[in-house]
Protein backbone atom coordinates (compact mmCIF):
# COMPACT_ATOMS: atom_id res chain seq x y z
CA MET A 1 -36.64 -42.66 -32.94
CA LYS A 2 -37.49 -39.98 -35.27
CA LEU A 3 -40.12 -37.49 -36.24
CA LEU A 4 -42.62 -38.48 -38.75
CA THR A 5 -42.06 -36.82 -42.17
CA GLY A 6 -42.69 -37.40 -45.86
CA SER A 7 -40.06 -38.75 -48.25
CA PRO A 8 -37.23 -36.59 -49.04
CA GLY A 9 -37.65 -34.74 -52.37
CA TRP A 10 -34.18 -33.20 -52.87
CA SER A 11 -30.61 -33.59 -51.36
CA THR A 12 -27.37 -31.60 -50.98
CA SER A 13 -24.13 -31.80 -49.32
CA ALA A 14 -21.32 -29.98 -47.61
CA ASP A 15 -18.21 -30.87 -45.56
CA VAL A 16 -19.95 -29.55 -42.45
CA ILE A 17 -23.69 -28.58 -41.77
CA VAL A 18 -24.20 -25.81 -39.13
CA ILE A 19 -27.60 -25.49 -37.84
CA GLY A 20 -28.56 -22.13 -36.49
CA SER A 21 -27.57 -18.56 -37.26
CA GLY A 22 -26.92 -16.95 -33.99
CA VAL A 23 -23.53 -16.15 -32.54
CA ALA A 24 -22.66 -19.81 -32.01
CA GLY A 25 -23.55 -20.93 -35.50
CA LEU A 26 -22.17 -17.94 -37.33
CA THR A 27 -18.82 -18.16 -35.49
CA THR A 28 -18.55 -21.90 -36.02
CA ALA A 29 -19.19 -21.31 -39.83
CA LEU A 30 -16.76 -18.52 -40.18
CA ASN A 31 -14.06 -20.55 -38.32
CA LEU A 32 -14.71 -23.60 -40.38
CA ARG A 33 -14.13 -21.57 -43.54
CA SER A 34 -10.80 -20.37 -42.26
CA TYR A 35 -9.71 -24.03 -42.43
CA GLY A 36 -10.99 -24.49 -45.86
CA MET A 37 -14.01 -26.51 -45.18
CA SER A 38 -17.46 -26.03 -47.08
CA VAL A 39 -20.23 -25.14 -45.06
CA LEU A 40 -23.99 -25.48 -45.36
CA LEU A 41 -25.60 -23.01 -42.79
CA VAL A 42 -29.26 -23.94 -42.09
CA THR A 43 -31.50 -21.48 -40.27
CA LYS A 44 -35.09 -21.86 -39.15
CA ALA A 45 -36.38 -18.44 -40.22
CA ARG A 46 -34.51 -15.60 -41.86
CA ILE A 47 -30.82 -15.66 -41.00
CA ASP A 48 -31.08 -12.77 -38.78
CA GLU A 49 -33.96 -13.91 -36.60
CA GLY A 50 -32.18 -15.86 -33.97
CA SER A 51 -31.82 -15.14 -30.14
CA THR A 52 -28.41 -13.47 -30.60
CA LYS A 53 -29.90 -10.12 -31.75
CA TRP A 54 -32.21 -9.94 -28.76
CA ALA A 55 -29.30 -9.94 -26.29
CA GLN A 56 -29.36 -6.65 -24.60
CA GLY A 57 -26.74 -6.94 -21.85
CA GLY A 58 -23.48 -7.65 -23.68
CA ILE A 59 -20.44 -9.87 -23.73
CA ALA A 60 -18.38 -10.49 -20.72
CA ALA A 61 -14.59 -10.66 -20.90
CA ALA A 62 -11.74 -9.70 -18.74
CA LEU A 63 -10.54 -6.75 -20.87
CA GLY A 64 -10.40 -3.93 -18.31
CA PRO A 65 -7.61 -2.40 -16.27
CA GLY A 66 -6.94 -4.74 -13.36
CA ASP A 67 -9.31 -7.37 -14.50
CA THR A 68 -8.13 -10.84 -15.14
CA PRO A 69 -9.47 -14.21 -16.53
CA ASP A 70 -9.02 -15.66 -12.97
CA GLN A 71 -11.39 -12.94 -11.45
CA HIS A 72 -13.83 -13.71 -14.27
CA LYS A 73 -13.49 -17.36 -13.52
CA LYS A 74 -14.27 -16.81 -9.67
CA ASP A 75 -17.53 -14.85 -10.62
CA THR A 76 -18.44 -17.46 -13.09
CA LEU A 77 -18.00 -20.41 -10.50
CA ALA A 78 -19.93 -18.40 -7.81
CA ALA A 79 -22.85 -17.93 -10.11
CA GLY A 80 -22.63 -21.72 -11.14
CA ALA A 81 -23.28 -22.75 -7.50
CA GLY A 82 -20.72 -25.53 -7.38
CA LEU A 83 -21.66 -27.28 -10.56
CA CYS A 84 -19.32 -25.68 -13.05
CA ASP A 85 -16.94 -27.76 -14.96
CA ILE A 86 -13.76 -25.99 -13.89
CA LYS A 87 -11.85 -26.94 -17.16
CA ALA A 88 -14.66 -25.56 -19.21
CA VAL A 89 -14.67 -22.35 -17.34
CA ASP A 90 -10.92 -22.09 -17.72
CA VAL A 91 -11.29 -22.31 -21.51
CA LEU A 92 -14.34 -19.82 -21.46
CA VAL A 93 -12.51 -17.06 -19.44
CA SER A 94 -8.93 -17.52 -20.78
CA GLU A 95 -9.72 -17.56 -24.49
CA GLY A 96 -12.71 -15.14 -24.17
CA PRO A 97 -10.59 -11.93 -24.60
CA GLU A 98 -8.98 -13.12 -27.71
CA ALA A 99 -12.39 -14.23 -29.14
CA VAL A 100 -13.75 -10.82 -28.40
CA ARG A 101 -10.72 -9.06 -30.06
CA LYS A 102 -11.41 -11.25 -33.12
CA LEU A 103 -14.82 -10.29 -33.22
CA ILE A 104 -13.93 -6.59 -33.20
CA ALA A 105 -11.50 -7.30 -36.11
CA GLN A 106 -14.51 -8.80 -37.91
CA GLY A 107 -16.22 -5.41 -37.71
CA ALA A 108 -18.22 -5.46 -34.54
CA VAL A 109 -18.40 -1.95 -33.07
CA PHE A 110 -18.73 -1.62 -29.33
CA ASP A 111 -19.75 1.55 -27.17
CA LYS A 112 -16.82 3.75 -26.27
CA SER A 113 -16.15 5.80 -23.24
CA GLU A 114 -15.32 9.44 -23.34
CA THR A 115 -11.55 8.68 -23.56
CA GLY A 116 -12.12 6.57 -26.51
CA GLU A 117 -11.64 3.11 -24.80
CA ILE A 118 -14.27 0.52 -24.89
CA ALA A 119 -16.87 1.25 -22.33
CA LEU A 120 -17.21 -1.67 -19.70
CA THR A 121 -20.23 -1.81 -17.48
CA ARG A 122 -21.31 -4.39 -14.74
CA GLU A 123 -24.15 -6.88 -14.55
CA GLY A 124 -25.41 -9.11 -11.76
CA GLY A 125 -22.86 -11.62 -10.38
CA HIS A 126 -19.92 -9.63 -11.62
CA LEU A 127 -17.42 -8.03 -9.24
CA ARG A 128 -15.80 -6.13 -12.03
CA ASN A 129 -16.86 -3.83 -14.98
CA ARG A 130 -16.34 -6.32 -17.71
CA ILE A 131 -19.34 -6.15 -19.96
CA LEU A 132 -18.88 -4.91 -23.52
CA HIS A 133 -22.12 -3.33 -25.13
CA ALA A 134 -23.09 -1.90 -28.29
CA GLY A 135 -25.79 0.58 -29.11
CA GLY A 136 -26.55 0.69 -25.34
CA ASP A 137 -28.69 -2.24 -25.06
CA ALA A 138 -28.43 -3.70 -28.63
CA THR A 139 -25.22 -5.67 -28.27
CA GLY A 140 -26.70 -8.88 -29.77
CA ALA A 141 -28.02 -6.95 -32.76
CA GLU A 142 -24.52 -5.55 -33.29
CA VAL A 143 -22.73 -8.96 -33.01
CA SER A 144 -25.15 -10.51 -35.33
CA ARG A 145 -24.89 -7.59 -37.84
CA ALA A 146 -20.93 -8.10 -37.90
CA LEU A 147 -20.87 -11.84 -38.13
CA LEU A 148 -23.71 -12.04 -40.85
CA ALA A 149 -21.69 -9.52 -42.97
CA ALA A 150 -18.77 -11.84 -42.90
CA VAL A 151 -20.79 -14.80 -43.61
CA ARG A 152 -22.63 -13.31 -46.56
CA ASP A 153 -19.35 -12.36 -47.89
CA ASP A 154 -17.98 -15.76 -48.01
CA ASP A 155 -18.87 -17.93 -51.15
CA GLY A 156 -17.91 -21.13 -49.35
CA ILE A 157 -20.93 -20.92 -46.96
CA GLU A 158 -24.23 -21.96 -48.52
CA ILE A 159 -27.27 -20.53 -46.64
CA ILE A 160 -30.67 -22.18 -46.54
CA GLU A 161 -33.25 -20.06 -44.79
CA HIS A 162 -36.68 -20.98 -43.40
CA ALA A 163 -35.56 -24.61 -42.87
CA LEU A 164 -36.30 -26.75 -39.92
CA ALA A 165 -33.63 -29.42 -39.01
CA ILE A 166 -36.01 -32.46 -38.20
CA ASP A 167 -33.60 -35.29 -37.43
CA ALA A 168 -30.02 -36.47 -37.73
CA LEU A 169 -29.05 -38.97 -40.34
CA LYS A 170 -26.78 -41.72 -38.99
CA SER A 171 -24.59 -44.19 -40.95
CA PRO A 172 -24.33 -48.00 -40.40
CA THR A 173 -21.49 -47.24 -37.97
CA GLY A 174 -23.79 -45.08 -35.94
CA ARG A 175 -22.04 -41.82 -36.93
CA VAL A 176 -24.18 -38.73 -37.62
CA CYS A 177 -23.64 -38.05 -41.51
CA GLY A 178 -26.36 -35.53 -42.16
CA VAL A 179 -29.77 -34.14 -41.41
CA THR A 180 -33.34 -34.31 -42.64
CA LEU A 181 -34.60 -30.80 -43.41
CA HIS A 182 -38.01 -29.20 -44.16
CA VAL A 183 -37.79 -26.05 -46.17
CA ILE A 184 -40.71 -23.59 -46.52
CA GLY A 185 -40.75 -22.23 -49.93
CA ALA A 186 -40.85 -22.63 -53.58
CA GLY A 187 -38.25 -23.99 -55.95
CA SER A 188 -35.93 -26.98 -56.09
CA ARG A 189 -35.73 -27.08 -52.31
CA ASP A 190 -39.23 -27.22 -51.05
CA GLY A 191 -40.57 -29.60 -48.39
CA VAL A 192 -38.47 -32.36 -47.00
CA GLY A 193 -35.08 -32.97 -48.14
CA ARG A 194 -31.80 -34.63 -47.18
CA ALA A 195 -28.52 -32.89 -46.50
CA LEU A 196 -25.35 -34.93 -46.08
CA ALA A 197 -22.13 -33.88 -44.34
CA ARG A 198 -18.99 -35.26 -42.72
CA ALA A 199 -20.11 -33.50 -39.45
CA VAL A 200 -23.05 -31.76 -38.10
CA VAL A 201 -22.96 -28.71 -35.64
CA VAL A 202 -26.21 -28.06 -33.76
CA ALA A 203 -26.32 -24.33 -32.75
CA THR A 204 -29.99 -23.84 -32.57
CA GLY A 205 -30.30 -21.82 -29.26
CA GLY A 206 -32.72 -22.19 -26.51
CA LEU A 207 -35.93 -23.86 -25.53
CA GLY A 208 -37.95 -20.95 -24.05
CA GLN A 209 -41.06 -21.78 -25.85
CA VAL A 210 -41.60 -24.82 -23.48
CA TYR A 211 -43.01 -22.10 -21.04
CA SER A 212 -45.82 -19.70 -21.27
CA GLN A 213 -43.80 -16.59 -21.04
CA THR A 214 -40.18 -16.27 -22.22
CA THR A 215 -37.56 -13.75 -23.48
CA ASN A 216 -36.84 -16.15 -26.24
CA PRO A 217 -38.12 -15.61 -29.90
CA ALA A 218 -40.84 -17.79 -31.47
CA VAL A 219 -38.20 -20.03 -33.09
CA SER A 220 -36.65 -21.12 -29.79
CA THR A 221 -38.45 -24.36 -29.64
CA GLY A 222 -35.29 -26.53 -28.82
CA ASP A 223 -35.23 -28.22 -32.12
CA GLY A 224 -31.50 -29.06 -31.99
CA VAL A 225 -31.53 -30.46 -28.39
CA ALA A 226 -34.54 -32.67 -29.29
CA LEU A 227 -32.79 -33.70 -32.62
CA ALA A 228 -29.60 -34.61 -30.55
CA LEU A 229 -31.71 -36.60 -27.93
CA ARG A 230 -33.52 -38.60 -30.69
CA ALA A 231 -30.07 -39.37 -32.11
CA GLY A 232 -29.06 -40.91 -28.82
CA ALA A 233 -26.96 -38.10 -27.41
CA LYS A 234 -26.60 -37.37 -23.61
CA VAL A 235 -27.96 -34.27 -22.09
CA ALA A 236 -27.08 -32.83 -18.84
CA ASP A 237 -28.18 -30.11 -16.36
CA VAL A 238 -31.46 -29.46 -18.09
CA GLU A 239 -33.28 -28.81 -14.88
CA PHE A 240 -31.46 -25.54 -14.63
CA VAL A 241 -33.67 -23.33 -16.69
CA GLN A 242 -32.60 -19.68 -15.90
CA PHE A 243 -35.59 -17.33 -15.40
CA HIS A 244 -34.69 -13.66 -15.99
CA PRO A 245 -35.87 -11.78 -13.14
CA THR A 246 -36.81 -8.59 -14.91
CA VAL A 247 -39.18 -9.10 -17.88
CA LEU A 248 -41.63 -6.37 -18.72
CA TRP A 249 -45.09 -7.54 -17.31
CA ARG A 250 -48.04 -6.65 -19.39
CA ASP A 251 -50.92 -9.08 -18.93
CA LEU A 252 -51.56 -12.54 -17.89
CA ALA A 253 -52.99 -13.16 -21.35
CA ASN A 254 -49.69 -12.47 -23.06
CA ARG A 255 -47.87 -15.63 -23.97
CA GLY A 256 -44.73 -16.27 -25.98
CA GLN A 257 -41.84 -13.74 -26.26
CA GLN A 258 -41.86 -10.93 -23.70
CA PRO A 259 -39.81 -7.66 -23.56
CA LEU A 260 -36.69 -8.08 -21.46
CA ILE A 261 -35.41 -5.37 -19.18
CA SER A 262 -31.70 -6.04 -19.06
CA GLU A 263 -30.02 -6.43 -15.67
CA ALA A 264 -27.70 -3.70 -17.11
CA VAL A 265 -30.42 -1.30 -16.17
CA ARG A 266 -29.94 -2.40 -12.46
CA GLY A 267 -26.18 -2.03 -13.10
CA GLU A 268 -26.74 1.66 -13.92
CA GLY A 269 -28.72 2.28 -10.68
CA ALA A 270 -32.31 0.99 -11.03
CA ILE A 271 -33.85 -0.43 -7.92
CA LEU A 272 -36.37 -3.31 -7.32
CA LEU A 273 -39.38 -2.40 -5.23
CA ASN A 274 -42.30 -4.45 -3.82
CA ASN A 275 -45.91 -3.19 -3.71
CA LYS A 276 -45.01 -1.55 -0.39
CA ASN A 277 -42.41 0.45 -2.05
CA GLU A 278 -39.85 -1.49 -0.11
CA GLN A 279 -36.16 -2.16 -1.78
CA PHE A 280 -36.76 -5.83 -0.97
CA MET A 281 -33.22 -7.27 -2.18
CA VAL A 282 -31.36 -5.34 0.46
CA GLY A 283 -30.28 -7.76 3.02
CA LYS A 284 -31.15 -10.74 0.83
CA HIS A 285 -27.81 -10.85 -0.74
CA PRO A 286 -24.50 -8.82 -0.49
CA GLN A 287 -24.91 -7.50 -3.96
CA ALA A 288 -28.61 -6.62 -3.37
CA ASP A 289 -30.26 -5.81 -6.75
CA LEU A 290 -27.10 -7.01 -8.68
CA ALA A 291 -27.21 -10.48 -7.01
CA PRO A 292 -27.20 -13.55 -9.45
CA ARG A 293 -30.24 -13.97 -11.45
CA ASP A 294 -31.48 -17.05 -9.72
CA VAL A 295 -31.38 -15.26 -6.30
CA VAL A 296 -33.17 -12.13 -7.70
CA ALA A 297 -35.79 -14.31 -9.55
CA ILE A 298 -36.74 -16.34 -6.57
CA GLU A 299 -36.96 -13.34 -4.35
CA ILE A 300 -39.24 -11.57 -6.86
CA PHE A 301 -41.32 -14.75 -7.06
CA ASN A 302 -41.54 -14.62 -3.18
CA GLN A 303 -42.58 -11.00 -3.11
CA MET A 304 -45.28 -11.76 -5.69
CA GLN A 305 -46.65 -14.66 -3.55
CA ILE A 306 -46.67 -12.45 -0.42
CA SER A 307 -48.56 -9.61 -2.11
CA GLY A 308 -50.66 -11.68 -4.41
CA GLN A 309 -49.67 -9.32 -7.35
CA PRO A 310 -48.49 -10.57 -10.62
CA HIS A 311 -45.31 -8.47 -10.69
CA VAL A 312 -42.91 -6.20 -8.76
CA TRP A 313 -41.56 -2.78 -9.78
CA LEU A 314 -38.32 -1.65 -11.19
CA ASP A 315 -37.51 2.06 -10.60
CA ALA A 316 -35.09 3.32 -13.30
CA THR A 317 -36.21 7.08 -12.98
CA LYS A 318 -32.91 8.25 -11.54
CA ILE A 319 -30.94 6.92 -14.61
CA LYS A 320 -29.58 9.81 -16.54
CA ASP A 321 -30.34 9.78 -20.26
CA PHE A 322 -32.23 6.46 -20.00
CA GLU A 323 -33.53 6.82 -23.46
CA HIS A 324 -30.06 7.03 -25.05
CA ARG A 325 -28.39 4.46 -22.87
CA PHE A 326 -31.20 1.94 -23.24
CA PRO A 327 -33.05 2.99 -26.47
CA THR A 328 -34.35 -0.57 -27.23
CA ILE A 329 -35.76 -0.99 -23.72
CA TYR A 330 -37.11 2.64 -23.64
CA ALA A 331 -38.85 2.12 -26.97
CA SER A 332 -40.47 -1.26 -25.70
CA CYS A 333 -41.68 0.38 -22.53
CA ILE A 334 -43.20 3.39 -24.37
CA LYS A 335 -44.85 1.04 -26.78
CA ASN A 336 -46.47 -0.67 -23.69
CA GLY A 337 -47.69 2.64 -22.27
CA ILE A 338 -44.86 3.18 -19.76
CA ASN A 339 -42.38 6.03 -19.56
CA PRO A 340 -39.38 4.63 -17.59
CA THR A 341 -37.85 8.04 -17.07
CA LYS A 342 -40.98 9.06 -15.14
CA GLU A 343 -42.61 5.82 -13.75
CA LYS A 344 -41.76 2.49 -12.38
CA ILE A 345 -41.77 -0.61 -14.78
CA PRO A 346 -43.75 -3.49 -13.73
CA VAL A 347 -41.46 -6.67 -13.96
CA ALA A 348 -41.75 -10.41 -13.43
CA PRO A 349 -39.45 -13.42 -14.01
CA ALA A 350 -39.85 -15.31 -17.42
CA SER A 351 -37.94 -18.21 -18.90
CA HIS A 352 -34.66 -16.87 -20.32
CA TYR A 353 -31.90 -19.39 -20.72
CA ALA A 354 -31.13 -23.12 -20.52
CA SER A 355 -27.89 -23.55 -18.69
CA GLY A 356 -27.90 -27.17 -19.64
CA GLY A 357 -28.15 -28.90 -22.81
CA VAL A 358 -26.53 -31.65 -24.94
CA LEU A 359 -23.42 -32.79 -23.10
CA VAL A 360 -20.25 -32.16 -24.92
CA ASP A 361 -16.47 -32.01 -24.41
CA LEU A 362 -14.20 -29.08 -24.54
CA ASN A 363 -14.23 -29.25 -28.35
CA GLY A 364 -18.08 -29.28 -28.46
CA LYS A 365 -18.31 -32.99 -29.41
CA SER A 366 -21.50 -34.81 -28.18
CA SER A 367 -21.56 -38.45 -26.99
CA VAL A 368 -22.63 -39.34 -30.66
CA ASP A 369 -19.80 -39.46 -33.30
CA GLY A 370 -20.22 -36.67 -35.97
CA LEU A 371 -22.46 -34.57 -33.87
CA TYR A 372 -21.22 -31.30 -32.23
CA ILE A 373 -23.18 -28.81 -30.28
CA CYS A 374 -22.34 -25.18 -29.64
CA GLY A 375 -24.10 -22.29 -27.71
CA GLU A 376 -27.17 -22.58 -25.63
CA SER A 377 -28.01 -26.06 -27.06
CA ALA A 378 -24.91 -27.46 -25.45
CA CYS A 379 -23.87 -28.29 -21.91
CA THR A 380 -20.26 -27.54 -21.74
CA GLY A 381 -20.28 -27.20 -17.99
CA ALA A 382 -19.22 -23.67 -17.97
CA HIS A 383 -22.47 -22.48 -16.59
CA GLY A 384 -23.16 -25.02 -13.86
CA ALA A 385 -26.39 -24.55 -12.17
CA ASN A 386 -26.85 -20.89 -13.21
CA ARG A 387 -25.23 -19.04 -16.04
CA LEU A 388 -23.39 -15.82 -15.15
CA ALA A 389 -24.84 -12.72 -17.02
CA SER A 390 -23.26 -12.10 -20.43
CA ASN A 391 -21.31 -15.41 -20.58
CA SER A 392 -23.72 -16.67 -23.16
CA LEU A 393 -22.35 -14.75 -26.28
CA LEU A 394 -18.79 -15.32 -25.16
CA GLU A 395 -19.47 -19.03 -24.83
CA GLY A 396 -20.66 -19.00 -28.67
CA LEU A 397 -17.58 -17.15 -29.72
CA VAL A 398 -15.02 -19.47 -27.75
CA PHE A 399 -16.43 -22.86 -28.29
CA GLY A 400 -17.51 -22.30 -32.01
CA ALA A 401 -13.80 -21.57 -32.73
CA ARG A 402 -12.84 -24.78 -30.83
CA ILE A 403 -15.25 -26.98 -32.74
CA ALA A 404 -13.80 -25.69 -36.10
CA ALA A 405 -10.30 -26.28 -34.80
CA ALA A 406 -11.26 -29.90 -33.84
CA LEU A 407 -12.84 -30.71 -37.04
CA SER A 408 -10.05 -29.24 -39.00
CA ASN A 409 -7.84 -32.03 -37.48
CA ASN A 410 -10.37 -34.83 -37.61
CA LEU A 411 -12.92 -34.68 -40.53
CA PRO A 412 -13.78 -38.12 -41.67
CA ALA A 413 -14.96 -39.34 -44.92
CA GLN A 414 -18.61 -39.02 -46.00
CA GLU A 415 -20.73 -41.90 -44.96
CA GLN A 416 -24.08 -42.81 -46.16
CA PRO A 417 -27.26 -42.78 -43.96
CA VAL A 418 -29.46 -45.78 -43.23
CA GLU A 419 -33.09 -45.61 -42.08
CA ASP A 420 -33.84 -46.83 -38.63
CA GLY A 421 -36.07 -46.10 -35.52
CA LYS A 422 -39.61 -45.68 -35.05
CA SER A 423 -41.59 -42.55 -35.92
CA ILE A 424 -43.35 -40.23 -33.58
CA LEU A 425 -45.51 -37.11 -34.06
CA LEU A 426 -47.83 -35.22 -31.61
CA ASP A 427 -50.86 -32.96 -32.32
CA PRO A 428 -49.92 -29.27 -32.25
CA LYS A 429 -53.00 -28.46 -30.00
CA ILE A 430 -50.82 -29.95 -27.10
CA LEU A 431 -48.77 -26.82 -27.13
CA LEU A 432 -50.69 -24.43 -25.01
CA PRO A 433 -51.65 -27.02 -22.23
CA LEU A 434 -48.05 -27.98 -22.20
CA GLN A 435 -46.70 -24.56 -21.81
CA ILE A 436 -49.12 -23.83 -19.09
CA ALA A 437 -48.38 -26.96 -17.25
CA MET A 438 -44.57 -26.38 -17.42
CA SER A 439 -45.11 -22.70 -16.05
CA GLU A 440 -47.23 -23.71 -13.17
CA GLY A 441 -45.38 -26.94 -12.25
CA ALA A 442 -41.81 -26.70 -13.42
CA GLY A 443 -41.18 -22.91 -13.47
CA VAL A 444 -39.31 -20.69 -11.02
CA LEU A 445 -40.38 -22.82 -8.05
CA ARG A 446 -41.00 -26.51 -8.12
CA SER A 447 -41.89 -29.39 -5.82
CA GLU A 448 -42.34 -33.12 -5.94
CA ALA A 449 -46.12 -32.64 -6.12
CA SER A 450 -46.05 -29.98 -8.91
CA LEU A 451 -43.53 -31.86 -11.08
CA ILE A 452 -45.47 -35.19 -10.67
CA LYS A 453 -48.65 -33.31 -11.83
CA THR A 454 -46.72 -31.79 -14.62
CA LEU A 455 -45.42 -35.14 -15.69
CA GLN A 456 -48.74 -36.66 -15.62
CA THR A 457 -50.10 -33.93 -17.90
CA LEU A 458 -47.32 -34.57 -20.32
CA GLU A 459 -48.05 -38.34 -20.34
CA GLU A 460 -51.71 -37.54 -21.17
CA LEU A 461 -50.57 -35.17 -23.92
CA SER A 462 -48.40 -37.82 -25.32
CA LYS A 463 -51.49 -39.74 -26.38
CA LEU A 464 -52.62 -36.99 -28.67
CA THR A 465 -50.72 -38.17 -31.88
CA SER A 466 -50.89 -36.82 -35.38
CA LYS A 467 -50.40 -38.26 -38.91
CA ASP A 468 -49.92 -34.77 -40.40
CA PRO A 469 -46.31 -33.94 -40.69
CA ARG A 470 -45.95 -30.03 -40.56
CA ILE A 471 -43.84 -27.59 -38.72
CA GLU A 472 -46.30 -26.99 -35.86
CA ALA A 473 -46.52 -30.63 -35.15
CA TRP A 474 -42.67 -31.07 -35.26
CA GLU A 475 -42.25 -28.10 -32.86
CA ALA A 476 -45.01 -29.33 -30.47
CA THR A 477 -43.28 -32.81 -30.56
CA ASN A 478 -39.89 -31.25 -29.84
CA LEU A 479 -41.09 -29.23 -26.94
CA HIS A 480 -42.90 -32.13 -25.48
CA LEU A 481 -39.66 -34.19 -25.45
CA LEU A 482 -37.70 -31.31 -23.81
CA ALA A 483 -40.45 -30.66 -21.23
CA THR A 484 -40.19 -34.28 -20.37
CA VAL A 485 -36.49 -34.34 -19.81
CA ILE A 486 -36.68 -31.11 -17.77
CA VAL A 487 -39.28 -32.49 -15.42
CA LYS A 488 -37.56 -35.84 -15.08
CA SER A 489 -34.32 -34.14 -14.06
CA ALA A 490 -36.00 -31.70 -11.75
CA LEU A 491 -37.67 -34.71 -9.90
CA LEU A 492 -34.33 -36.39 -9.42
CA ARG A 493 -32.59 -33.34 -7.99
CA THR A 494 -33.88 -33.11 -4.40
CA GLU A 495 -32.34 -29.84 -3.44
CA SER A 496 -32.34 -26.16 -4.27
CA ARG A 497 -29.33 -25.07 -6.23
CA GLY A 498 -28.78 -22.35 -8.88
CA SER A 499 -31.82 -21.92 -11.04
CA HIS A 500 -33.40 -24.94 -9.65
CA TRP A 501 -35.66 -24.21 -6.66
CA ARG A 502 -37.63 -26.89 -4.71
CA SER A 503 -39.97 -25.70 -2.17
CA ASP A 504 -39.94 -29.21 -0.58
CA TYR A 505 -36.18 -29.18 -0.64
CA PRO A 506 -35.10 -25.66 0.12
CA GLN A 507 -31.56 -26.08 1.00
CA THR A 508 -28.46 -26.86 -1.09
CA GLN A 509 -27.10 -30.16 -0.25
CA SER A 510 -23.38 -30.79 -0.25
CA ASP A 511 -23.97 -34.51 -1.24
CA TRP A 512 -25.75 -33.15 -4.64
CA LEU A 513 -22.46 -31.99 -6.45
CA SER A 514 -23.67 -34.19 -9.13
CA ARG A 515 -24.66 -33.79 -12.70
CA ILE A 516 -27.89 -35.62 -13.88
CA ILE A 517 -27.42 -37.03 -17.29
CA GLN A 518 -30.27 -38.39 -19.38
CA GLN A 519 -30.41 -40.36 -22.63
CA ILE A 520 -33.09 -42.05 -24.71
CA ASP A 521 -32.48 -45.21 -26.83
CA SER A 522 -33.97 -45.94 -30.32
CA ASP A 523 -37.11 -47.34 -28.77
CA GLY A 524 -37.81 -44.30 -26.75
CA ASN A 525 -36.73 -45.77 -23.29
CA TRP A 526 -35.19 -43.21 -20.88
CA GLN A 527 -31.95 -43.78 -19.00
CA SER A 528 -30.95 -41.38 -16.19
CA LYS A 529 -27.58 -41.20 -14.42
CA VAL A 530 -26.26 -39.18 -11.60
CA GLU A 531 -22.42 -38.46 -12.01
CA VAL A 532 -20.41 -36.74 -9.19
CA ILE A 533 -18.61 -33.78 -10.58
């Protein structure tokens, strides 16, 4: 199964192809180079336009006095609501501190305290101050800057910008041996081409554009996960889409990427209020406003249903020097007519992070030979049912290094691709009704009825095919595939857990300590499996 494209007009090759230029892709590329492998780094827009630069909160690592990886592990497991892979969590928290130190050695500059030590703050779900941040609320931008500088200085990394990875190429043995790319531009690499490699690493980030409102940039259409699915890879935990509880609410007509109000703002003392000016999180969770994201998001959703209003309020007026501590958020609020130092900020949940993705082992290897996944596109199991705040950048650092180390020990000879599978392409006009259906039926709160209705809409939209291969059609087709797999998994999980909430099954069930794994064959047939963790 593959996307409909034209015939390849050019070709290139490298030892390893890395798709994506966020923290996961850049870290993987740099570590691959440390082992002497040549790298082709493919990015969908400009190299600095991935999700990483939008990360406001920071990086979680046990670096502070009295903090330990074991304490970080306990907080991660608590947020993951019983579905974390403990081995993956152990890797994340134990290798995290050294990964952050390496990032600092590569030039990343984090905020310091008055004593000159790295300033550590706290976010939802953390019982210790262990969040490193840069520029107040511009951590992702600083991490991206440091890694990009290192990548650009390395002649062994070839960069292709404005290139969409369409499908994996597979050899007669079934091994992934390259990808089909489409490059927007003029010159020798324009249009559809073929890139060959001895291994492919997908680090394309999230799939937030499957919903009407998201914190993700426009490029986050889940292309890498869709590519892996069509290649036959297993995906897991895809029903666990994390909705960030505090996204700046502007207008119901606003779609796509929305301004994020980091929970670090609540970490500095901001409080959530309903339309009656009540601090509604008190009594709902021991950590109140700093409860894990799923708890805060669903309670905000409940308050919105009770009041009939499209948002609640975040009062940050008592935070000292807000404009200096959170310059990005301050500028975003001012741009939208709100002065957060003097007035409350209207906020509502929006799609933020996919805790699931392509199922991988502890070295990032998928169920398909030659295909590795890193970052938000992957399901390492470290996040379980709900990612702990600021563990995402850390995951990219840790597992990017592990993938490179694994490939340094086992990089097979280049194989040649063969053509197989039927082609598919949907009309780009399905996108808006798809996003609306997903937000209404498979968003913060789901039910059997809402999910079945959403699935029926997706089935109707699948009939709107196209014979015009272009980026908008490829993205729409990818999002349709991802929406389908999310809804199918959400229907199977008859409980509420982590970031998956079912109004018809509001309780967490002890007999649901299981992972839902899905896969499609070359003819497009779905296979679902429930595995006990």
